[in-house]
Every structure is written in C-alpha cells, then in structure tokens.
Amino acid sequence: MFDCLMHHNSFTRLEARLKPFADHISPLTITDSEQIGRPWGEAATDGMLAYANADIWFSPASRAFAKTIYTAPRLVWFQSSAAGLENPFLQKAGEKAEKYTSSHVQSEAIAEWVLWAAFDWFGNGAQRRDAQARQEWEKVHFREISATRWLIYGFGHIGEAVGRRLRGLGAHVTGVRRSEHVSPFADHMLHPDHVSADEIALADAILLCAPHTPQTENMANADFFAAMKDASLFMNVARGALVDEDALLEALDQGKPAHAALDVTSEEPLPKESPLWSHPGVTLTGHTSAFTSESRARNDELFLENLANFLNGAPLKNLVKREAFEAQAV
C-alpha cells in the first residue's frame, strides 16, 4: 500500500472517486494550516505517491508539502499539474521520484487568456471603458482579430491551443519550434534559428510560450523589440526569464511594442516597486492564466487516470524521462 499525498481540498473533492483504490492507497493530506491528516487510517509501507496541483501551489502549506516530499523515504510517483520542470521544487521532486508525470491540460485555459488579452488590445478596450466612464456615446474604432498576423514562440501544447483558436477566427499564424513537424494550427512553421528581424516585423502580435532554457533566456531583448512593428502587441505566458524587462519598458516608451500583456515576470510575486505594475502600456496578471475551474477539473481527471494506470501497471500519461531533470540540474 502507498501513501498518497495531496492537499486536503483535493482529497475532499476526490474522495469518492479515490475509494475504488482504497486497497492500494492511504491518503495523506495537508491543510493550509499545515496540519497532516490520515483520513483513511494508518500509514502505508510501500512508499509515497503525490499529487501536486493548484491547491498546493497557492497554499500557505506549500513549503510543508515540499518538506514532506523531500523527507519521504521513497517517492514512487509524482504527478504535477504543471507543464514546466524548471521550478527548483519540481527539479528536486523529479530527481527523487521513480516516476514523474507532468500535465498539459492547462493549455486550453491559457489559450483563452491569450484571446482575452488580444481582444482587449485590438478591440480598443481601454478607450471603450474610458468612454463609458465619461458617459460619452463615443464611436470607438477597433481591429478584427481576423486581420492580424501572429508569431508564436513555442508551438507545443499551449502554442497549438492558441493557434487553433486564432486560425478559427481567420488570423494568420506562424509557429516557432525546434521540431520539424508541421501543424494544422499554423499557416507557417519556423525553426527558432530561422526567425529573422523581418519575420518579427511582420507580426501584429508576438506570443511567448516556450520553455525557459539557456537558449531562450532574455530572448526578448532590445534588438527583438526594436524589430517589432508599430502598434504591435507583445505577450508572455511562458516564463519571465525569457524577457529583458528593462528593455521591454524602454521599448514600450518608444512605442514598439505598443502594448505588453504579461502573465509571468522575472520575479514572482512581482515586487510592489516594479514599474510593470503602473506602466500604461502593460496589462499584468499574477501568473493565473491557467487558473480556472475547468483546468483544475482536467488535472483531477488526469491524476485519477494516471493513478489507475500506475496501480494497474499500465503506461502513465505525460511520463517525463529522468534525463530531463539531469539536464535541468546542470
């Protein structure tokens, strides 16, 4: 029998669906006040399984959860609700776990965040809100998404989810990724090494959803922004480390890009003294583009499916190779 570590809220939500596995798991729960509970009884002896999701990421007990993982004699399987691996806690969990699985189900929510921010910018949302506040029956000109051209760095699960929606609206999409595979959700595909200043200059909107690697760190720098089109939109739902934020602020002051929509920043939480909070050219959210009830439900379904697979000896979904953590640790 395995201990199965998760946030108390996750257990409460899933308890009825965990009951069929009662002969194989003993839930180990943690509350926001760091109280450890064993709702089904005694400790297990075969090692630990763990489900790390938004309930714990945004909990005051996240450190206690991590400590429980670090001190477990044997971490057999770790299910993460995150796609990325570079977080220090996830690196350590991945190094320790015999099996580590990730998640890409948040892509749908993130894609909707991208559309929200794009509709607001190209739809001239700020002017519309200002007209309402002034009680002026004002005709506000806006631009249709169908008339826009997009450059999306990182055309994996998130990039394709965005591309699928944009192409459905009639936009032109260029996807950027290292894989040579074409995608039905892009009009054109490029390798990162083949993205020229001319390609950047064609885009009305540039979206970053690539992983943070030594190759992508500060990829959006002064030269990158200088190549962007006037009145263009820059968006980042990947990692803050992909952007030189000082260069972005200077570029915004010069009008290229005209606006930035950011869900991630180089330091999180963003310090209150950061100029990103108040810059008129920035729309900022606190790394919440995947924070939806639907995304949570999809992650629960993935965990339950993988739990059944694990206990039945079937292949796990989104199994991450151990070399990925060795590479991250270098």
Protein backbone atom coordinates (compact mmCIF):
# COMPACT_ATOMS: atom_id res chain seq x y z
CA MET A 1 0.00 0.00 0.00
CA PHE A 2 1.18 3.52 -0.84
CA ASP A 3 0.79 6.80 0.98
CA CYS A 4 -0.93 9.25 -1.38
CA LEU A 5 -0.01 12.84 -0.53
CA MET A 6 -2.26 15.71 -1.62
CA HIS A 7 -3.81 18.92 -0.36
CA HIS A 8 -6.83 18.42 1.90
CA ASN A 9 -9.05 20.30 -0.59
CA SER A 10 -8.04 17.92 -3.36
CA PHE A 11 -8.83 14.93 -1.17
CA THR A 12 -12.23 16.34 -0.19
CA ARG A 13 -13.08 16.92 -3.85
CA LEU A 14 -11.88 13.47 -4.97
CA GLU A 15 -12.53 11.18 -2.00
CA ALA A 16 -15.49 9.35 -3.52
CA ARG A 17 -13.51 8.67 -6.70
CA LEU A 18 -10.48 7.50 -4.71
CA LYS A 19 -12.50 4.86 -2.83
CA PRO A 20 -12.06 2.19 -5.54
CA PHE A 21 -8.30 2.38 -4.84
CA ALA A 22 -8.69 2.01 -1.06
CA ASP A 23 -6.91 -1.38 -1.01
CA HIS A 24 -3.82 0.21 -2.55
CA ILE A 25 -3.52 3.76 -1.19
CA SER A 26 -3.69 5.54 2.14
CA PRO A 27 -4.43 9.25 1.60
CA LEU A 28 -2.05 11.63 3.39
CA THR A 29 -3.50 15.14 3.43
CA ILE A 30 -2.19 18.57 4.29
CA THR A 31 -4.27 21.66 5.09
CA ASP A 32 -3.46 25.34 4.57
CA SER A 33 -2.52 25.45 8.28
CA GLU A 34 -0.01 22.62 7.65
CA GLN A 35 -2.00 20.00 9.53
CA ILE A 36 -1.20 16.50 8.33
CA GLY A 37 -4.08 14.05 8.26
CA ARG A 38 -4.68 10.38 7.52
CA PRO A 39 -8.42 10.27 6.81
CA TRP A 40 -8.41 6.56 5.97
CA GLY A 41 -6.15 5.36 8.77
CA GLU A 42 -2.62 4.10 9.23
CA ALA A 43 0.50 4.83 7.24
CA ALA A 44 1.44 2.79 4.21
CA THR A 45 4.73 0.94 3.84
CA ASP A 46 5.46 0.73 0.10
CA GLY A 47 6.39 4.38 -0.47
CA MET A 48 4.70 7.63 -1.40
CA LEU A 49 2.62 8.84 -4.32
CA ALA A 50 2.00 12.58 -4.60
CA TYR A 51 -0.43 14.87 -6.42
CA ALA A 52 0.86 18.45 -6.70
CA ASN A 53 -1.67 20.87 -8.13
CA ALA A 54 -3.01 24.42 -7.77
CA ASP A 55 -4.49 23.58 -4.36
CA ILE A 56 -0.95 23.23 -3.03
CA TRP A 57 0.90 25.68 -5.33
CA PHE A 58 -1.20 28.56 -3.96
CA SER A 59 -1.38 27.29 -0.40
CA PRO A 60 0.47 28.64 2.66
CA ALA A 61 1.38 24.99 3.22
CA SER A 62 3.37 24.64 0.01
CA ARG A 63 6.68 24.58 1.90
CA ALA A 64 5.40 21.92 4.29
CA PHE A 65 4.24 19.89 1.28
CA ALA A 66 7.71 20.17 -0.25
CA LYS A 67 9.35 19.14 3.03
CA THR A 68 7.12 16.07 3.19
CA ILE A 69 8.24 15.15 -0.32
CA TYR A 70 11.93 15.73 0.45
CA THR A 71 11.87 13.63 3.63
CA ALA A 72 9.84 10.72 2.26
CA PRO A 73 11.94 7.53 2.39
CA ARG A 74 10.71 6.59 -1.08
CA LEU A 75 8.86 8.77 -3.61
CA VAL A 76 7.45 6.28 -6.10
CA TRP A 77 5.36 8.53 -8.35
CA PHE A 78 4.86 12.29 -8.51
CA GLN A 79 2.01 13.81 -10.56
CA SER A 80 2.44 17.51 -11.29
CA SER A 81 -0.29 19.75 -12.65
CA ALA A 82 2.41 21.93 -14.25
CA ALA A 83 3.93 21.54 -17.70
CA GLY A 84 7.30 23.11 -16.87
CA LEU A 85 10.15 21.46 -14.99
CA GLU A 86 12.49 24.32 -14.14
CA ASN A 87 10.97 25.24 -10.77
CA PRO A 88 13.53 24.24 -8.08
CA PHE A 89 10.97 22.22 -6.13
CA LEU A 90 9.89 20.32 -9.25
CA GLN A 91 13.53 19.65 -10.12
CA LYS A 92 14.11 18.09 -6.71
CA ALA A 93 10.86 16.14 -6.88
CA GLY A 94 11.81 14.89 -10.35
CA GLU A 95 15.26 13.85 -9.22
CA LYS A 96 13.81 11.92 -6.30
CA ALA A 97 10.74 10.37 -7.88
CA GLU A 98 10.98 6.96 -9.50
CA LYS A 99 8.29 8.15 -11.93
CA TYR A 100 7.33 11.76 -12.66
CA THR A 101 4.38 12.84 -14.78
CA SER A 102 3.51 16.35 -15.92
CA SER A 103 0.38 17.97 -17.32
CA HIS A 104 -0.60 19.93 -20.41
CA VAL A 105 -4.33 20.23 -19.78
CA GLN A 106 -3.94 23.87 -18.73
CA SER A 107 -3.23 24.81 -22.35
CA GLU A 108 -6.91 25.46 -23.06
CA ALA A 109 -7.23 27.95 -20.20
CA ILE A 110 -4.00 29.72 -21.15
CA ALA A 111 -5.17 29.99 -24.76
CA GLU A 112 -8.35 31.71 -23.58
CA TRP A 113 -6.26 34.15 -21.50
CA VAL A 114 -4.33 34.99 -24.68
CA LEU A 115 -7.55 35.63 -26.58
CA TRP A 116 -8.92 37.78 -23.74
CA ALA A 117 -5.83 40.00 -23.77
CA ALA A 118 -5.76 40.14 -27.58
CA PHE A 119 -9.43 41.04 -27.91
CA ASP A 120 -8.97 43.78 -25.32
CA TRP A 121 -5.97 45.29 -27.11
CA PHE A 122 -7.08 45.01 -30.72
CA GLY A 123 -10.66 45.80 -29.66
CA ASN A 124 -9.52 49.07 -28.09
CA GLY A 125 -10.96 48.04 -24.74
CA ALA A 126 -9.25 50.83 -22.81
CA GLN A 127 -10.92 53.51 -24.92
CA ARG A 128 -14.28 51.78 -24.64
CA ARG A 129 -14.03 51.71 -20.84
CA ASP A 130 -12.92 55.33 -20.78
CA ALA A 131 -15.90 56.39 -22.91
CA GLN A 132 -18.27 54.60 -20.55
CA ALA A 133 -16.63 56.23 -17.51
CA ARG A 134 -17.06 59.66 -19.18
CA GLN A 135 -20.66 58.77 -20.14
CA GLU A 136 -19.85 59.57 -23.76
CA TRP A 137 -21.73 57.84 -26.60
CA GLU A 138 -18.48 57.52 -28.50
CA LYS A 139 -17.76 55.53 -31.64
CA VAL A 140 -14.61 53.51 -30.91
CA HIS A 141 -12.66 52.10 -33.85
CA PHE A 142 -11.19 48.63 -33.36
CA ARG A 143 -9.34 45.95 -35.26
CA GLU A 144 -10.64 42.47 -36.00
CA ILE A 145 -8.51 39.52 -34.94
CA SER A 146 -9.06 38.09 -38.42
CA ALA A 147 -6.91 40.91 -39.80
CA THR A 148 -3.93 40.19 -37.54
CA ARG A 149 -0.72 38.27 -38.09
CA TRP A 150 0.79 36.29 -35.18
CA LEU A 151 4.24 34.93 -34.34
CA ILE A 152 4.08 32.28 -31.61
CA TYR A 153 7.33 31.11 -30.00
CA GLY A 154 6.94 27.64 -28.54
CA PHE A 155 4.39 25.82 -30.67
CA GLY A 156 3.73 22.95 -28.30
CA HIS A 157 0.52 22.27 -26.39
CA ILE A 158 -0.09 25.91 -25.46
CA GLY A 159 1.02 27.36 -28.79
CA GLU A 160 -1.16 24.96 -30.73
CA ALA A 161 -4.17 25.65 -28.49
CA VAL A 162 -3.74 29.36 -29.21
CA GLY A 163 -3.11 28.76 -32.91
CA ARG A 164 -6.24 26.64 -33.23
CA ARG A 165 -8.39 29.46 -31.86
CA LEU A 166 -6.69 32.19 -33.87
CA ARG A 167 -6.97 30.32 -37.17
CA GLY A 168 -10.62 29.70 -36.39
CA LEU A 169 -11.01 33.48 -36.23
CA GLY A 170 -9.17 33.94 -39.51
CA ALA A 171 -5.82 35.22 -38.21
CA HIS A 172 -2.50 34.29 -39.85
CA VAL A 173 -0.32 32.19 -37.54
CA THR A 174 3.40 31.46 -37.75
CA GLY A 175 4.54 28.88 -35.21
CA VAL A 176 8.12 28.63 -33.96
CA ARG A 177 9.55 25.38 -32.59
CA ARG A 178 12.56 23.13 -32.96
CA SER A 179 10.55 20.16 -34.19
CA GLU A 180 10.26 19.88 -37.96
CA HIS A 181 6.69 18.60 -37.76
CA VAL A 182 4.11 20.78 -39.43
CA SER A 183 0.97 21.74 -37.54
CA PRO A 184 -2.62 22.09 -38.73
CA PHE A 185 -2.91 25.09 -36.41
CA ALA A 186 -0.28 27.24 -38.14
CA ASP A 187 -0.09 28.73 -41.61
CA HIS A 188 3.69 28.60 -41.47
CA MET A 189 6.31 26.95 -39.25
CA LEU A 190 9.82 28.16 -38.45
CA HIS A 191 12.80 26.84 -36.55
CA PRO A 192 13.93 29.33 -33.85
CA ASP A 193 17.25 29.82 -35.65
CA HIS A 194 15.39 30.96 -38.76
CA VAL A 195 13.32 33.73 -37.18
CA SER A 196 14.69 36.95 -38.68
CA ALA A 197 14.08 40.59 -37.80
CA ASP A 198 11.93 40.75 -40.93
CA GLU A 199 9.73 37.94 -39.59
CA ILE A 200 9.36 39.77 -36.27
CA ALA A 201 8.48 42.97 -38.10
CA LEU A 202 5.60 41.28 -39.91
CA ALA A 203 3.78 40.29 -36.71
CA ASP A 204 0.92 42.28 -35.22
CA ALA A 205 1.20 40.11 -32.11
CA ILE A 206 4.08 38.08 -30.71
CA LEU A 207 3.39 35.44 -28.07
CA LEU A 208 5.99 33.67 -25.95
CA CYS A 209 5.01 30.23 -24.66
CA ALA A 210 8.38 28.48 -24.97
CA PRO A 211 10.15 26.81 -22.05
CA HIS A 212 12.89 28.60 -20.14
CA THR A 213 16.26 27.26 -21.29
CA PRO A 214 19.72 28.80 -21.71
CA GLN A 215 18.77 29.39 -25.36
CA THR A 216 15.52 31.23 -24.57
CA GLU A 217 16.66 33.30 -21.57
CA ASN A 218 16.32 37.02 -22.37
CA MET A 219 15.42 36.16 -25.97
CA ALA A 220 13.07 39.15 -25.96
CA ASN A 221 15.74 41.85 -25.66
CA ALA A 222 16.31 45.35 -27.01
CA ASP A 223 17.08 44.14 -30.54
CA PHE A 224 14.00 41.92 -30.50
CA PHE A 225 11.70 44.78 -29.51
CA ALA A 226 13.34 47.20 -31.95
CA ALA A 227 12.37 44.84 -34.77
CA MET A 228 8.70 44.78 -33.79
CA LYS A 229 6.01 46.55 -35.78
CA ASP A 230 4.46 49.83 -34.65
CA ALA A 231 1.14 49.29 -32.80
CA SER A 232 2.04 45.63 -32.15
CA LEU A 233 1.20 43.54 -29.11
CA PHE A 234 3.76 41.55 -27.09
CA MET A 235 2.55 38.71 -24.85
CA ASN A 236 4.26 36.33 -22.43
CA VAL A 237 2.62 33.30 -20.82
CA ALA A 238 5.86 31.28 -20.62
CA ARG A 239 8.41 32.37 -18.02
CA GLY A 240 9.55 35.85 -17.04
CA ALA A 241 13.17 34.91 -17.65
CA LEU A 242 12.53 34.93 -21.40
CA VAL A 243 12.19 38.73 -21.30
CA ASP A 244 14.66 41.51 -20.58
CA GLU A 245 12.14 43.58 -18.63
CA ASP A 246 14.23 46.76 -18.60
CA ALA A 247 14.48 46.56 -22.38
CA LEU A 248 10.72 45.93 -22.60
CA LEU A 249 9.92 49.04 -20.57
CA GLU A 250 12.22 51.17 -22.72
CA ALA A 251 10.69 49.70 -25.86
CA LEU A 252 7.16 50.42 -24.66
CA ASP A 253 8.13 54.05 -24.06
CA GLN A 254 9.27 54.17 -27.69
CA GLY A 255 6.07 52.54 -28.97
CA LYS A 256 7.47 49.20 -30.19
CA PRO A 257 5.66 47.20 -28.98
CA ALA A 258 2.68 49.41 -28.33
CA HIS A 259 1.45 47.17 -25.52
CA ALA A 260 2.56 44.17 -23.47
CA ALA A 261 0.27 41.59 -21.85
CA LEU A 262 2.18 39.61 -19.23
CA ASP A 263 1.07 36.72 -17.05
CA VAL A 264 4.61 36.00 -15.87
CA THR A 265 7.52 38.14 -14.65
CA SER A 266 11.17 37.54 -13.86
CA GLU A 267 10.48 37.78 -10.13
CA GLU A 268 7.29 36.33 -8.71
CA PRO A 269 5.41 37.61 -6.83
CA LEU A 270 6.31 40.87 -8.57
CA PRO A 271 7.73 43.41 -6.08
CA LYS A 272 5.41 46.35 -5.42
CA GLU A 273 8.10 48.79 -6.53
CA SER A 274 8.31 47.28 -10.02
CA PRO A 275 7.34 49.78 -12.76
CA LEU A 276 5.48 46.99 -14.57
CA TRP A 277 2.58 47.46 -12.14
CA SER A 278 1.80 51.00 -13.24
CA HIS A 279 3.15 51.34 -16.77
CA PRO A 280 0.27 52.43 -19.04
CA GLY A 281 1.47 50.06 -21.76
CA VAL A 282 1.28 46.91 -19.64
CA THR A 283 -1.57 44.54 -18.85
CA LEU A 284 -0.43 42.37 -15.95
CA THR A 285 -1.87 39.29 -14.24
CA GLY A 286 -0.26 37.27 -11.47
CA HIS A 287 0.63 34.01 -13.24
CA THR A 288 -3.02 32.99 -13.28
CA SER A 289 -3.66 32.27 -16.98
CA ALA A 290 -4.31 28.60 -16.17
CA PHE A 291 -6.29 29.29 -13.00
CA THR A 292 -9.76 28.07 -13.99
CA SER A 293 -12.21 25.57 -12.51
CA GLU A 294 -12.14 23.70 -15.80
CA SER A 295 -8.36 23.41 -15.76
CA ARG A 296 -8.50 22.12 -12.18
CA ALA A 297 -11.08 19.51 -13.19
CA ARG A 298 -8.97 18.36 -16.15
CA ASN A 299 -5.95 17.97 -13.88
CA ASP A 300 -8.01 15.92 -11.43
CA GLU A 301 -9.10 13.65 -14.28
CA LEU A 302 -5.50 13.23 -15.42
CA PHE A 303 -4.38 12.35 -11.88
CA LEU A 304 -7.15 9.78 -11.44
CA GLU A 305 -6.42 8.23 -14.84
CA ASN A 306 -2.71 8.05 -14.09
CA LEU A 307 -3.39 6.67 -10.60
CA ALA A 308 -5.39 3.82 -12.13
CA ASN A 309 -2.68 3.26 -14.73
CA PHE A 310 0.04 3.23 -12.07
CA LEU A 311 -1.76 0.73 -9.84
CA ASN A 312 -2.61 -1.49 -12.83
CA GLY A 313 0.89 -1.40 -14.28
CA ALA A 314 -0.25 0.46 -17.40
CA PRO A 315 1.76 3.25 -19.11
CA LEU A 316 1.50 6.67 -17.46
CA LYS A 317 0.41 9.73 -19.41
CA ASN A 318 2.99 12.53 -19.79
CA LEU A 319 5.79 10.49 -18.25
CA VAL A 320 8.93 12.64 -18.06
CA LYS A 321 12.29 11.00 -18.75
CA ARG A 322 14.85 11.19 -15.97
CA GLU A 323 17.32 12.89 -18.32
CA ALA A 324 15.08 15.95 -18.29
CA PHE A 325 15.87 16.54 -14.62
CA GLU A 326 19.53 15.83 -15.11
CA ALA A 327 19.53 18.48 -17.86
CA GLN A 328 17.68 20.97 -15.66
CA ALA A 329 20.14 20.40 -12.82
CA VAL A 330 23.23 21.23 -14.94
